[in-house]
């Protein structure tokens, strides 16, 4: 995700809340750059990493 950030000024806002022992992850971002697919793939990979984290 860092390379995409540098190449496209892609700066997603990611927040994590713990509500009654359930985690809520909120991601906000814009798609006003050319390579939308790589940015979305980076976000998906980030979420996969969170889900698979042990």
N, C-alpha and C. Protein backbone atom coordinates (compact mmCIF):
# COMPACT_ATOMS: atom_id res chain seq x y z
N UNK A 1 0.83 -1.18 0.00
CA UNK A 1 0.00 0.00 0.00
C UNK A 1 0.88 1.26 0.00
N UNK A 2 2.07 1.17 0.58
CA UNK A 2 2.93 2.35 0.65
C UNK A 2 3.37 2.84 -0.73
N UNK A 3 3.68 1.91 -1.63
CA UNK A 3 4.10 2.32 -2.98
C UNK A 3 2.96 3.02 -3.71
N UNK A 4 1.75 2.50 -3.57
CA UNK A 4 0.59 3.13 -4.20
C UNK A 4 0.36 4.51 -3.61
N UNK A 5 0.55 4.64 -2.29
CA UNK A 5 0.40 5.95 -1.66
C UNK A 5 1.36 6.97 -2.26
N UNK A 6 2.62 6.56 -2.41
CA UNK A 6 3.63 7.47 -2.94
C UNK A 6 3.37 7.81 -4.41
N UNK A 7 3.00 6.80 -5.20
CA UNK A 7 2.82 7.00 -6.64
C UNK A 7 1.56 7.81 -6.95
N UNK A 8 0.53 7.71 -6.13
CA UNK A 8 -0.77 8.30 -6.47
C UNK A 8 -1.33 9.24 -5.41
N UNK A 9 -0.56 9.56 -4.40
CA UNK A 9 -1.07 10.36 -3.28
C UNK A 9 -2.33 9.71 -2.69
N UNK A 10 -2.28 8.39 -2.59
CA UNK A 10 -3.38 7.60 -2.07
C UNK A 10 -3.22 7.53 -0.55
N UNK A 11 -4.11 8.19 0.17
CA UNK A 11 -4.03 8.22 1.62
C UNK A 11 -5.37 7.81 2.22
N UNK A 12 -5.57 6.52 2.39
CA UNK A 12 -6.84 6.09 2.97
C UNK A 12 -6.91 6.45 4.44
N UNK A 13 -8.12 6.68 4.91
CA UNK A 13 -8.37 6.90 6.33
C UNK A 13 -8.87 5.57 6.88
N UNK A 14 -8.14 5.01 7.83
CA UNK A 14 -8.51 3.72 8.40
C UNK A 14 -8.66 3.91 9.90
N UNK A 15 -9.82 3.53 10.43
CA UNK A 15 -10.03 3.62 11.87
C UNK A 15 -10.51 2.28 12.40
N UNK A 16 -10.22 2.04 13.66
CA UNK A 16 -10.59 0.80 14.32
C UNK A 16 -11.30 1.14 15.61
N UNK A 17 -12.47 0.56 15.81
CA UNK A 17 -13.22 0.77 17.04
C UNK A 17 -13.49 -0.58 17.68
N UNK A 18 -13.47 -0.60 19.00
CA UNK A 18 -13.78 -1.81 19.74
C UNK A 18 -15.09 -1.56 20.47
N UNK A 19 -16.16 -2.15 20.00
CA UNK A 19 -17.49 -1.95 20.56
C UNK A 19 -18.00 -3.28 21.10
N UNK A 20 -18.08 -3.41 22.40
CA UNK A 20 -18.57 -4.64 23.04
C UNK A 20 -17.81 -5.87 22.57
N UNK A 21 -16.49 -5.77 22.58
CA UNK A 21 -15.60 -6.87 22.17
C UNK A 21 -15.73 -7.26 20.71
N UNK A 22 -16.29 -6.41 19.89
CA UNK A 22 -16.32 -6.61 18.44
C UNK A 22 -15.54 -5.46 17.82
N UNK A 23 -14.66 -5.80 16.90
CA UNK A 23 -13.88 -4.77 16.23
C UNK A 23 -14.58 -4.32 14.96
N UNK A 24 -14.61 -3.01 14.78
CA UNK A 24 -15.18 -2.42 13.57
C UNK A 24 -14.06 -1.65 12.88
N UNK A 25 -13.79 -2.00 11.63
CA UNK A 25 -12.76 -1.31 10.86
C UNK A 25 -13.46 -0.51 9.77
N UNK A 26 -13.16 0.77 9.71
CA UNK A 26 -13.77 1.66 8.73
C UNK A 26 -12.65 2.23 7.85
N UNK A 27 -12.82 2.13 6.55
CA UNK A 27 -11.84 2.66 5.61
C UNK A 27 -12.53 3.62 4.66
N UNK A 28 -11.97 4.79 4.54
CA UNK A 28 -12.48 5.79 3.59
C UNK A 28 -11.32 6.21 2.69
N UNK A 29 -11.62 6.35 1.42
CA UNK A 29 -10.59 6.72 0.46
C UNK A 29 -11.24 7.29 -0.78
N UNK A 30 -10.48 7.96 -1.58
CA UNK A 30 -10.98 8.48 -2.84
C UNK A 30 -10.37 7.69 -3.99
N UNK A 31 -11.01 7.70 -5.10
CA UNK A 31 -10.50 6.99 -6.28
C UNK A 31 -10.23 7.98 -7.42
N UNK A 32 -9.64 9.10 -7.09
CA UNK A 32 -9.38 10.13 -8.10
C UNK A 32 -7.95 10.03 -8.63
N UNK A 33 -7.57 8.83 -9.01
CA UNK A 33 -6.27 8.64 -9.63
C UNK A 33 -6.39 7.52 -10.65
N UNK A 34 -5.37 7.36 -11.45
CA UNK A 34 -5.46 6.47 -12.60
C UNK A 34 -5.55 4.99 -12.25
N UNK A 35 -4.74 4.51 -11.33
CA UNK A 35 -4.65 3.07 -11.10
C UNK A 35 -5.54 2.66 -9.92
N UNK A 36 -6.84 2.64 -10.16
CA UNK A 36 -7.81 2.29 -9.12
C UNK A 36 -7.71 0.83 -8.71
N UNK A 37 -7.39 -0.04 -9.65
CA UNK A 37 -7.36 -1.48 -9.38
C UNK A 37 -6.28 -1.81 -8.35
N UNK A 38 -5.08 -1.26 -8.51
CA UNK A 38 -4.01 -1.54 -7.55
C UNK A 38 -4.37 -1.01 -6.16
N UNK A 39 -5.01 0.14 -6.10
CA UNK A 39 -5.40 0.71 -4.80
C UNK A 39 -6.44 -0.16 -4.12
N UNK A 40 -7.43 -0.61 -4.87
CA UNK A 40 -8.45 -1.48 -4.28
C UNK A 40 -7.84 -2.82 -3.86
N UNK A 41 -6.92 -3.33 -4.66
CA UNK A 41 -6.24 -4.59 -4.31
C UNK A 41 -5.46 -4.42 -3.02
N UNK A 42 -4.80 -3.28 -2.85
CA UNK A 42 -4.05 -3.03 -1.61
C UNK A 42 -4.97 -2.99 -0.40
N UNK A 43 -6.14 -2.38 -0.55
CA UNK A 43 -7.09 -2.33 0.56
C UNK A 43 -7.64 -3.72 0.86
N UNK A 44 -7.96 -4.47 -0.18
CA UNK A 44 -8.44 -5.84 0.02
C UNK A 44 -7.37 -6.68 0.72
N UNK A 45 -6.13 -6.57 0.28
CA UNK A 45 -5.04 -7.31 0.92
C UNK A 45 -4.87 -6.90 2.38
N UNK A 46 -5.06 -5.62 2.67
CA UNK A 46 -5.00 -5.13 4.05
C UNK A 46 -6.07 -5.81 4.90
N UNK A 47 -7.29 -5.85 4.38
CA UNK A 47 -8.38 -6.50 5.13
C UNK A 47 -8.15 -8.01 5.27
N UNK A 48 -7.64 -8.65 4.26
CA UNK A 48 -7.31 -10.08 4.36
C UNK A 48 -6.26 -10.30 5.45
N UNK A 49 -5.29 -9.41 5.50
CA UNK A 49 -4.27 -9.50 6.54
C UNK A 49 -4.86 -9.35 7.93
N UNK A 50 -5.82 -8.44 8.08
CA UNK A 50 -6.48 -8.28 9.38
C UNK A 50 -7.27 -9.52 9.77
N UNK A 51 -7.99 -10.08 8.83
CA UNK A 51 -8.82 -11.26 9.11
C UNK A 51 -7.94 -12.46 9.45
N UNK A 52 -6.83 -12.62 8.76
CA UNK A 52 -5.98 -13.78 8.94
C UNK A 52 -4.94 -13.61 10.06
N UNK A 53 -4.89 -12.43 10.67
CA UNK A 53 -3.89 -12.16 11.72
C UNK A 53 -4.14 -13.02 12.95
N UNK A 54 -3.08 -13.60 13.45
CA UNK A 54 -3.19 -14.41 14.68
C UNK A 54 -2.10 -14.05 15.63
